[in-house]
Amino acid sequence: MCERFHAQHRLIPPRTPRLNGKVERSHQTDGEEFYRLCPYSTQKDLQRAFARWLWHYNHTRLHMGLDGKIPIQSLQAFPRYAHIKVLRCHPC
């Protein structure tokens, strides 16, 4: 994904949520709104459901951390990414 979006990949020290707050919050939301809702019987079922969840999360769910926008809108605000219509972030 970094190559696709010409983004720099940087590592942070382990156990430093102050540097990784957005990812930590995303994981919390995944847990509250996805993983706890329904057990999945197979890995494949989980992967399919999570791919649907990611699409919802990136294209329809409002985010208070983004001033009430959805992630795709925030990305499109940058001229370099204005042409992107769909985020394909999951291999499923």
PDB file of N, CA and C in Angstrom:
ATOM      1  N   MET A   1       0.818  -1.179   0.000  1.00  0.00           N
ATOM      2  CA  MET A   1       0.000   0.000   0.000  1.00  0.00           C
ATOM      3  C   MET A   1       0.870   1.254   0.000  1.00  0.00           C
ATOM      4  N   CYS A   2       1.976   1.201   0.704  1.00  0.00           N
ATOM      5  CA  CYS A   2       2.855   2.360   0.722  1.00  0.00           C
ATOM      6  C   CYS A   2       3.359   2.691  -0.677  1.00  0.00           C
ATOM      7  N   GLU A   3       3.774   1.668  -1.410  1.00  0.00           N
ATOM      8  CA  GLU A   3       4.237   1.891  -2.776  1.00  0.00           C
ATOM      9  C   GLU A   3       3.123   2.445  -3.639  1.00  0.00           C
ATOM     10  N   ARG A   4       1.946   1.862  -3.509  1.00  0.00           N
ATOM     11  CA  ARG A   4       0.802   2.292  -4.335  1.00  0.00           C
ATOM     12  C   ARG A   4       0.504   3.772  -4.137  1.00  0.00           C
ATOM     13  N   PHE A   5       0.571   4.240  -2.884  1.00  0.00           N
ATOM     14  CA  PHE A   5       0.241   5.628  -2.593  1.00  0.00           C
ATOM     15  C   PHE A   5       1.476   6.509  -2.451  1.00  0.00           C
ATOM     16  N   HIS A   6       2.644   5.968  -2.810  1.00  0.00           N
ATOM     17  CA  HIS A   6       3.900   6.718  -2.737  1.00  0.00           C
ATOM     18  C   HIS A   6       4.078   7.313  -1.341  1.00  0.00           C
ATOM     19  N   ALA A   7       3.802   6.502  -0.330  1.00  0.00           N
ATOM     20  CA  ALA A   7       3.912   6.945   1.059  1.00  0.00           C
ATOM     21  C   ALA A   7       5.167   6.355   1.691  1.00  0.00           C
ATOM     22  N   GLN A   8       5.728   7.100   2.599  1.00  0.00           N
ATOM     23  CA  GLN A   8       6.903   6.628   3.325  1.00  0.00           C
ATOM     24  C   GLN A   8       6.447   5.742   4.479  1.00  0.00           C
ATOM     25  N   HIS A   9       7.071   4.596   4.619  1.00  0.00           N
ATOM     26  CA  HIS A   9       6.769   3.684   5.729  1.00  0.00           C
ATOM     27  C   HIS A   9       7.792   3.930   6.819  1.00  0.00           C
ATOM     28  N   ARG A  10       7.298   4.243   8.019  1.00  0.00           N
ATOM     29  CA  ARG A  10       8.189   4.483   9.145  1.00  0.00           C
ATOM     30  C   ARG A  10       7.791   3.565  10.294  1.00  0.00           C
ATOM     31  N   LEU A  11       8.771   3.022  10.969  1.00  0.00           N
ATOM     32  CA  LEU A  11       8.529   2.194  12.138  1.00  0.00           C
ATOM     33  C   LEU A  11       8.605   3.057  13.394  1.00  0.00           C
ATOM     34  N   ILE A  12       7.781   2.691  14.384  1.00  0.00           N
ATOM     35  CA  ILE A  12       7.838   3.367  15.670  1.00  0.00           C
ATOM     36  C   ILE A  12       8.205   2.335  16.720  1.00  0.00           C
ATOM     37  N   PRO A  13       8.682   2.773  17.873  1.00  0.00           N
ATOM     38  CA  PRO A  13       9.016   1.813  18.926  1.00  0.00           C
ATOM     39  C   PRO A  13       7.766   1.055  19.387  1.00  0.00           C
ATOM     40  N   PRO A  14       7.921  -0.195  19.796  1.00  0.00           N
ATOM     41  CA  PRO A  14       6.776  -0.953  20.311  1.00  0.00           C
ATOM     42  C   PRO A  14       6.172  -0.276  21.551  1.00  0.00           C
ATOM     43  N   ARG A  15       4.880  -0.496  21.740  1.00  0.00           N
ATOM     44  CA  ARG A  15       4.154  -0.008  22.913  1.00  0.00           C
ATOM     45  C   ARG A  15       4.250   1.503  23.096  1.00  0.00           C
ATOM     46  N   THR A  16       4.057   2.244  22.003  1.00  0.00           N
ATOM     47  CA  THR A  16       4.044   3.705  22.080  1.00  0.00           C
ATOM     48  C   THR A  16       2.754   4.241  21.454  1.00  0.00           C
ATOM     49  N   PRO A  17       1.621   4.051  22.135  1.00  0.00           N
ATOM     50  CA  PRO A  17       0.344   4.475  21.556  1.00  0.00           C
ATOM     51  C   PRO A  17       0.265   5.976  21.293  1.00  0.00           C
ATOM     52  N   ARG A  18       1.060   6.776  22.008  1.00  0.00           N
ATOM     53  CA  ARG A  18       1.020   8.218  21.745  1.00  0.00           C
ATOM     54  C   ARG A  18       1.497   8.529  20.326  1.00  0.00           C
ATOM     55  N   LEU A  19       2.315   7.647  19.765  1.00  0.00           N
ATOM     56  CA  LEU A  19       2.782   7.826  18.385  1.00  0.00           C
ATOM     57  C   LEU A  19       1.893   7.108  17.384  1.00  0.00           C
ATOM     58  N   ASN A  20       1.012   6.274  17.881  1.00  0.00           N
ATOM     59  CA  ASN A  20       0.228   5.409  17.014  1.00  0.00           C
ATOM     60  C   ASN A  20      -1.260   5.498  17.362  1.00  0.00           C
ATOM     61  N   GLY A  21      -1.686   6.643  17.848  1.00  0.00           N
ATOM     62  CA  GLY A  21      -3.044   6.798  18.355  1.00  0.00           C
ATOM     63  C   GLY A  21      -4.138   6.491  17.354  1.00  0.00           C
ATOM     64  N   LYS A  22      -3.967   6.896  16.107  1.00  0.00           N
ATOM     65  CA  LYS A  22      -5.020   6.655  15.109  1.00  0.00           C
ATOM     66  C   LYS A  22      -5.186   5.168  14.822  1.00  0.00           C
ATOM     67  N   VAL A  23      -4.082   4.448  14.765  1.00  0.00           N
ATOM     68  CA  VAL A  23      -4.158   3.007  14.535  1.00  0.00           C
ATOM     69  C   VAL A  23      -4.765   2.318  15.754  1.00  0.00           C
ATOM     70  N   GLU A  24      -4.348   2.738  16.944  1.00  0.00           N
ATOM     71  CA  GLU A  24      -4.908   2.161  18.167  1.00  0.00           C
ATOM     72  C   GLU A  24      -6.412   2.382  18.216  1.00  0.00           C
ATOM     73  N   ARG A  25      -6.857   3.583  17.851  1.00  0.00           N
ATOM     74  CA  ARG A  25      -8.295   3.889  17.851  1.00  0.00           C
ATOM     75  C   ARG A  25      -9.011   3.051  16.807  1.00  0.00           C
ATOM     76  N   SER A  26      -8.401   2.862  15.660  1.00  0.00           N
ATOM     77  CA  SER A  26      -8.984   2.017  14.613  1.00  0.00           C
ATOM     78  C   SER A  26      -9.149   0.591  15.107  1.00  0.00           C
ATOM     79  N   HIS A  27      -8.146   0.076  15.796  1.00  0.00           N
ATOM     80  CA  HIS A  27      -8.235  -1.287  16.326  1.00  0.00           C
ATOM     81  C   HIS A  27      -9.345  -1.386  17.373  1.00  0.00           C
ATOM     82  N   GLN A  28      -9.488  -0.344  18.183  1.00  0.00           N
ATOM     83  CA  GLN A  28     -10.558  -0.339  19.182  1.00  0.00           C
ATOM     84  C   GLN A  28     -11.924  -0.370  18.499  1.00  0.00           C
ATOM     85  N   THR A  29     -12.089   0.437  17.465  1.00  0.00           N
ATOM     86  CA  THR A  29     -13.348   0.461  16.726  1.00  0.00           C
ATOM     87  C   THR A  29     -13.609  -0.882  16.062  1.00  0.00           C
ATOM     88  N   ASP A  30     -12.580  -1.484  15.467  1.00  0.00           N
ATOM     89  CA  ASP A  30     -12.740  -2.815  14.860  1.00  0.00           C
ATOM     90  C   ASP A  30     -13.255  -3.808  15.890  1.00  0.00           C
ATOM     91  N   GLY A  31     -12.679  -3.762  17.072  1.00  0.00           N
ATOM     92  CA  GLY A  31     -13.093  -4.677  18.123  1.00  0.00           C
ATOM     93  C   GLY A  31     -14.527  -4.445  18.561  1.00  0.00           C
ATOM     94  N   GLU A  32     -14.897  -3.182  18.753  1.00  0.00           N
ATOM     95  CA  GLU A  32     -16.238  -2.855  19.236  1.00  0.00           C
ATOM     96  C   GLU A  32     -17.322  -3.050  18.182  1.00  0.00           C
ATOM     97  N   GLU A  33     -17.017  -2.719  16.948  1.00  0.00           N
ATOM     98  CA  GLU A  33     -18.053  -2.699  15.918  1.00  0.00           C
ATOM     99  C   GLU A  33     -17.986  -3.864  14.937  1.00  0.00           C
ATOM    100  N   PHE A  34     -16.943  -4.675  15.018  1.00  0.00           N
ATOM    101  CA  PHE A  34     -16.849  -5.799  14.083  1.00  0.00           C
ATOM    102  C   PHE A  34     -16.638  -7.124  14.808  1.00  0.00           C
ATOM    103  N   TYR A  35     -15.503  -7.290  15.456  1.00  0.00           N
ATOM    104  CA  TYR A  35     -15.138  -8.591  16.013  1.00  0.00           C
ATOM    105  C   TYR A  35     -16.104  -9.093  17.083  1.00  0.00           C
ATOM    106  N   ARG A  36     -16.627  -8.216  17.907  1.00  0.00           N
ATOM    107  CA  ARG A  36     -17.500  -8.646  19.007  1.00  0.00           C
ATOM    108  C   ARG A  36     -18.925  -8.964  18.568  1.00  0.00           C
ATOM    109  N   LEU A  37     -19.268  -8.604  17.365  1.00  0.00           N
ATOM    110  CA  LEU A  37     -20.664  -8.754  16.931  1.00  0.00           C
ATOM    111  C   LEU A  37     -21.040 -10.172  16.540  1.00  0.00           C
ATOM    112  N   CYS A  38     -20.126 -10.881  15.924  1.00  0.00           N
ATOM    113  CA  CYS A  38     -20.503 -12.183  15.390  1.00  0.00           C
ATOM    114  C   CYS A  38     -19.276 -13.084  15.281  1.00  0.00           C
ATOM    115  N   PRO A  39     -19.351 -14.275  15.810  1.00  0.00           N
ATOM    116  CA  PRO A  39     -18.235 -15.205  15.616  1.00  0.00           C
ATOM    117  C   PRO A  39     -18.277 -15.779  14.188  1.00  0.00           C
ATOM    118  N   TYR A  40     -17.146 -16.046  13.646  1.00  0.00           N
ATOM    119  CA  TYR A  40     -17.068 -16.593  12.291  1.00  0.00           C
ATOM    120  C   TYR A  40     -16.535 -18.016  12.364  1.00  0.00           C
ATOM    121  N   SER A  41     -17.135 -18.901  11.583  1.00  0.00           N
ATOM    122  CA  SER A  41     -16.782 -20.313  11.678  1.00  0.00           C
ATOM    123  C   SER A  41     -15.513 -20.669  10.904  1.00  0.00           C
ATOM    124  N   THR A  42     -15.186 -19.893   9.882  1.00  0.00           N
ATOM    125  CA  THR A  42     -13.979 -20.189   9.107  1.00  0.00           C
ATOM    126  C   THR A  42     -13.170 -18.921   8.883  1.00  0.00           C
ATOM    127  N   GLN A  43     -11.909 -19.111   8.596  1.00  0.00           N
ATOM    128  CA  GLN A  43     -11.025 -17.987   8.284  1.00  0.00           C
ATOM    129  C   GLN A  43     -11.538 -17.244   7.050  1.00  0.00           C
ATOM    130  N   LYS A  44     -12.007 -17.995   6.074  1.00  0.00           N
ATOM    131  CA  LYS A  44     -12.500 -17.384   4.843  1.00  0.00           C
ATOM    132  C   LYS A  44     -13.722 -16.504   5.116  1.00  0.00           C
ATOM    133  N   ASP A  45     -14.641 -16.981   5.959  1.00  0.00           N
ATOM    134  CA  ASP A  45     -15.808 -16.176   6.320  1.00  0.00           C
ATOM    135  C   ASP A  45     -15.384 -14.892   7.025  1.00  0.00           C
ATOM    136  N   LEU A  46     -14.418 -15.012   7.919  1.00  0.00           N
ATOM    137  CA  LEU A  46     -13.908 -13.843   8.624  1.00  0.00           C
ATOM    138  C   LEU A  46     -13.288 -12.847   7.648  1.00  0.00           C
ATOM    139  N   GLN A  47     -12.486 -13.341   6.717  1.00  0.00           N
ATOM    140  CA  GLN A  47     -11.831 -12.454   5.747  1.00  0.00           C
ATOM    141  C   GLN A  47     -12.849 -11.734   4.872  1.00  0.00           C
ATOM    142  N   ARG A  48     -13.857 -12.444   4.419  1.00  0.00           N
ATOM    143  CA  ARG A  48     -14.896 -11.811   3.583  1.00  0.00           C
ATOM    144  C   ARG A  48     -15.643 -10.745   4.364  1.00  0.00           C
ATOM    145  N   ALA A  49     -16.031 -11.093   5.594  1.00  0.00           N
ATOM    146  CA  ALA A  49     -16.772 -10.142   6.421  1.00  0.00           C
ATOM    147  C   ALA A  49     -15.905  -8.927   6.749  1.00  0.00           C
ATOM    148  N   PHE A  50     -14.619  -9.149   7.022  1.00  0.00           N
ATOM    149  CA  PHE A  50     -13.748  -8.027   7.354  1.00  0.00           C
ATOM    150  C   PHE A  50     -13.525  -7.135   6.141  1.00  0.00           C
ATOM    151  N   ALA A  51     -13.450  -7.704   4.951  1.00  0.00           N
ATOM    152  CA  ALA A  51     -13.325  -6.896   3.736  1.00  0.00           C
ATOM    153  C   ALA A  51     -14.550  -5.986   3.584  1.00  0.00           C
ATOM    154  N   ARG A  52     -15.741  -6.520   3.872  1.00  0.00           N
ATOM    155  CA  ARG A  52     -16.958  -5.699   3.822  1.00  0.00           C
ATOM    156  C   ARG A  52     -16.911  -4.615   4.894  1.00  0.00           C
ATOM    157  N   TRP A  53     -16.460  -4.986   6.097  1.00  0.00           N
ATOM    158  CA  TRP A  53     -16.345  -4.021   7.184  1.00  0.00           C
ATOM    159  C   TRP A  53     -15.385  -2.893   6.798  1.00  0.00           C
ATOM    160  N   LEU A  54     -14.229  -3.225   6.219  1.00  0.00           N
ATOM    161  CA  LEU A  54     -13.273  -2.190   5.819  1.00  0.00           C
ATOM    162  C   LEU A  54     -13.864  -1.254   4.777  1.00  0.00           C
ATOM    163  N   TRP A  55     -14.620  -1.810   3.841  1.00  0.00           N
ATOM    164  CA  TRP A  55     -15.250  -0.949   2.835  1.00  0.00           C
ATOM    165  C   TRP A  55     -16.211   0.024   3.535  1.00  0.00           C
ATOM    166  N   HIS A  56     -17.030  -0.493   4.428  1.00  0.00           N
ATOM    167  CA  HIS A  56     -17.955   0.362   5.179  1.00  0.00           C
ATOM    168  C   HIS A  56     -17.175   1.417   5.969  1.00  0.00           C
ATOM    169  N   TYR A  57     -16.142   0.998   6.664  1.00  0.00           N
ATOM    170  CA  TYR A  57     -15.347   1.891   7.511  1.00  0.00           C
ATOM    171  C   TYR A  57     -14.726   3.024   6.696  1.00  0.00           C
ATOM    172  N   ASN A  58     -14.271   2.723   5.488  1.00  0.00           N
ATOM    173  CA  ASN A  58     -13.577   3.714   4.663  1.00  0.00           C
ATOM    174  C   ASN A  58     -14.480   4.526   3.747  1.00  0.00           C
ATOM    175  N   HIS A  59     -15.705   4.031   3.473  1.00  0.00           N
ATOM    176  CA  HIS A  59     -16.551   4.684   2.474  1.00  0.00           C
ATOM    177  C   HIS A  59     -17.906   5.172   2.980  1.00  0.00           C
ATOM    178  N   THR A  60     -18.365   4.743   4.150  1.00  0.00           N
ATOM    179  CA  THR A  60     -19.685   5.191   4.606  1.00  0.00           C
ATOM    180  C   THR A  60     -19.710   5.636   6.067  1.00  0.00           C
ATOM    181  N   ARG A  61     -18.811   5.148   6.890  1.00  0.00           N
ATOM    182  CA  ARG A  61     -18.853   5.449   8.326  1.00  0.00           C
ATOM    183  C   ARG A  61     -18.181   6.792   8.611  1.00  0.00           C
ATOM    184  N   LEU A  62     -18.915   7.689   9.269  1.00  0.00           N
ATOM    185  CA  LEU A  62     -18.360   8.986   9.639  1.00  0.00           C
ATOM    186  C   LEU A  62     -17.359   8.805  10.778  1.00  0.00           C
ATOM    187  N   HIS A  63     -16.314   9.624  10.768  1.00  0.00           N
ATOM    188  CA  HIS A  63     -15.258   9.545  11.767  1.00  0.00           C
ATOM    189  C   HIS A  63     -15.109  10.900  12.447  1.00  0.00           C
ATOM    190  N   MET A  64     -15.277  10.915  13.753  1.00  0.00           N
ATOM    191  CA  MET A  64     -15.131  12.165  14.492  1.00  0.00           C
ATOM    192  C   MET A  64     -13.693  12.685  14.417  1.00  0.00           C
ATOM    193  N   GLY A  65     -12.736  11.810  14.348  1.00  0.00           N
ATOM    194  CA  GLY A  65     -11.344  12.224  14.226  1.00  0.00           C
ATOM    195  C   GLY A  65     -11.028  12.883  12.889  1.00  0.00           C
ATOM    196  N   LEU A  66     -11.948  12.762  11.951  1.00  0.00           N
ATOM    197  CA  LEU A  66     -11.788  13.395  10.632  1.00  0.00           C
ATOM    198  C   LEU A  66     -12.823  14.500  10.451  1.00  0.00           C
ATOM    199  N   ASP A  67     -13.241  15.099  11.553  1.00  0.00           N
ATOM    200  CA  ASP A  67     -14.245  16.168  11.539  1.00  0.00           C
ATOM    201  C   ASP A  67     -15.555  15.740  10.902  1.00  0.00           C
ATOM    202  N   GLY A  68     -15.978  14.509  11.200  1.00  0.00           N
ATOM    203  CA  GLY A  68     -17.258  14.016  10.702  1.00  0.00           C
ATOM    204  C   GLY A  68     -17.237  13.558   9.250  1.00  0.00           C
ATOM    205  N   LYS A  69     -16.062  13.453   8.672  1.00  0.00           N
ATOM    206  CA  LYS A  69     -15.941  12.982   7.288  1.00  0.00           C
ATOM    207  C   LYS A  69     -15.692  11.482   7.276  1.00  0.00           C
ATOM    208  N   ILE A  70     -15.785  10.907   6.084  1.00  0.00           N
ATOM    209  CA  ILE A  70     -15.392   9.518   5.903  1.00  0.00           C
ATOM    210  C   ILE A  70     -13.957   9.508   5.359  1.00  0.00           C
ATOM    211  N   PRO A  71     -13.194   8.456   5.602  1.00  0.00           N
ATOM    212  CA  PRO A  71     -11.785   8.452   5.183  1.00  0.00           C
ATOM    213  C   PRO A  71     -11.560   8.768   3.702  1.00  0.00           C
ATOM    214  N   ILE A  72     -12.397   8.242   2.832  1.00  0.00           N
ATOM    215  CA  ILE A  72     -12.190   8.512   1.401  1.00  0.00           C
ATOM    216  C   ILE A  72     -12.302  10.010   1.103  1.00  0.00           C
ATOM    217  N   GLN A  73     -13.196  10.708   1.795  1.00  0.00           N
ATOM    218  CA  GLN A  73     -13.323  12.154   1.600  1.00  0.00           C
ATOM    219  C   GLN A  73     -12.067  12.880   2.060  1.00  0.00           C
ATOM    220  N   SER A  74     -11.528  12.453   3.188  1.00  0.00           N
ATOM    221  CA  SER A  74     -10.313  13.082   3.698  1.00  0.00           C
ATOM    222  C   SER A  74      -9.147  12.858   2.749  1.00  0.00           C
ATOM    223  N   LEU A  75      -9.042  11.660   2.200  1.00  0.00           N
ATOM    224  CA  LEU A  75      -7.983  11.374   1.241  1.00  0.00           C
ATOM    225  C   LEU A  75      -8.153  12.208  -0.026  1.00  0.00           C
ATOM    226  N   GLN A  76      -9.376  12.315  -0.514  1.00  0.00           N
ATOM    227  CA  GLN A  76      -9.639  13.068  -1.744  1.00  0.00           C
ATOM    228  C   GLN A  76      -9.395  14.565  -1.587  1.00  0.00           C
ATOM    229  N   ALA A  77      -9.308  15.048  -0.358  1.00  0.00           N
ATOM    230  CA  ALA A  77      -9.036  16.466  -0.128  1.00  0.00           C
ATOM    231  C   ALA A  77      -7.620  16.841  -0.564  1.00  0.00           C
ATOM    232  N   PHE A  78      -6.744  15.845  -0.667  1.00  0.00           N
ATOM    233  CA  PHE A  78      -5.389  16.093  -1.148  1.00  0.00           C
ATOM    234  C   PHE A  78      -5.408  16.003  -2.674  1.00  0.00           C
ATOM    235  N   PRO A  79      -4.970  17.043  -3.365  1.00  0.00           N
ATOM    236  CA  PRO A  79      -5.020  17.043  -4.835  1.00  0.00           C
ATOM    237  C   PRO A  79      -4.411  15.790  -5.468  1.00  0.00           C
ATOM    238  N   ARG A  80      -3.340  15.301  -4.885  1.00  0.00           N
ATOM    239  CA  ARG A  80      -2.672  14.121  -5.439  1.00  0.00           C
ATOM    240  C   ARG A  80      -3.588  12.890  -5.459  1.00  0.00           C
ATOM    241  N   TYR A  81      -4.561  12.833  -4.529  1.00  0.00           N
ATOM    242  CA  TYR A  81      -5.436  11.665  -4.394  1.00  0.00           C
ATOM    243  C   TYR A  81      -6.887  11.953  -4.751  1.00  0.00           C
ATOM    244  N   ALA A  82      -7.151  13.126  -5.292  1.00  0.00           N
ATOM    245  CA  ALA A  82      -8.537  13.519  -5.595  1.00  0.00           C
ATOM    246  C   ALA A  82      -9.221  12.562  -6.568  1.00  0.00           C
ATOM    247  N   HIS A  83      -8.462  11.889  -7.399  1.00  0.00           N
ATOM    248  CA  HIS A  83      -9.026  10.988  -8.402  1.00  0.00           C
ATOM    249  C   HIS A  83      -9.459   9.633  -7.835  1.00  0.00           C
ATOM    250  N   ILE A  84      -9.033   9.290  -6.634  1.00  0.00           N
ATOM    251  CA  ILE A  84      -9.321   7.982  -6.052  1.00  0.00           C
ATOM    252  C   ILE A  84     -10.773   7.928  -5.613  1.00  0.00           C
ATOM    253  N   LYS A  85     -11.480   6.934  -6.086  1.00  0.00           N
ATOM    254  CA  LYS A  85     -12.907   6.774  -5.773  1.00  0.00           C
ATOM    255  C   LYS A  85     -13.167   5.660  -4.769  1.00  0.00           C
ATOM    256  N   VAL A  86     -12.312   4.648  -4.754  1.00  0.00           N
ATOM    257  CA  VAL A  86     -12.506   3.474  -3.883  1.00  0.00           C
ATOM    258  C   VAL A  86     -11.166   3.105  -3.280  1.00  0.00           C
ATOM    259  N   LEU A  87     -11.168   2.842  -1.982  1.00  0.00           N
ATOM    260  CA  LEU A  87      -9.970   2.336  -1.325  1.00  0.00           C
ATOM    261  C   LEU A  87     -10.015   0.830  -1.326  1.00  0.00           C
ATOM    262  N   ARG A  88      -9.023   0.207  -1.902  1.00  0.00           N
ATOM    263  CA  ARG A  88      -8.903  -1.239  -1.901  1.00  0.00           C
ATOM    264  C   ARG A  88      -7.706  -1.582  -1.019  1.00  0.00           C
ATOM    265  N   CYS A  89      -7.981  -1.752   0.252  1.00  0.00           N
ATOM    266  CA  CYS A  89      -6.897  -1.935   1.223  1.00  0.00           C
ATOM    267  C   CYS A  89      -6.778  -3.346   1.749  1.00  0.00           C
ATOM    268  N   HIS A  90      -7.660  -4.217   1.369  1.00  0.00           N
ATOM    269  CA  HIS A  90      -7.644  -5.565   1.929  1.00  0.00           C
ATOM    270  C   HIS A  90      -7.528  -6.575   0.797  1.00  0.00           C
ATOM    271  N   PRO A  91      -6.731  -7.600   0.965  1.00  0.00           N
ATOM    272  CA  PRO A  91      -6.504  -8.557  -0.126  1.00  0.00           C
ATOM    273  C   PRO A  91      -7.704  -9.438  -0.463  1.00  0.00           C
ATOM    274  N   CYS A  92      -8.756  -9.414   0.340  1.00  0.00           N
ATOM    275  CA  CYS A  92      -9.900 -10.310   0.084  1.00  0.00           C
ATOM    276  C   CYS A  92     -10.750  -9.798  -1.048  1.00  0.00           C
TER     277      CYS A  92
END
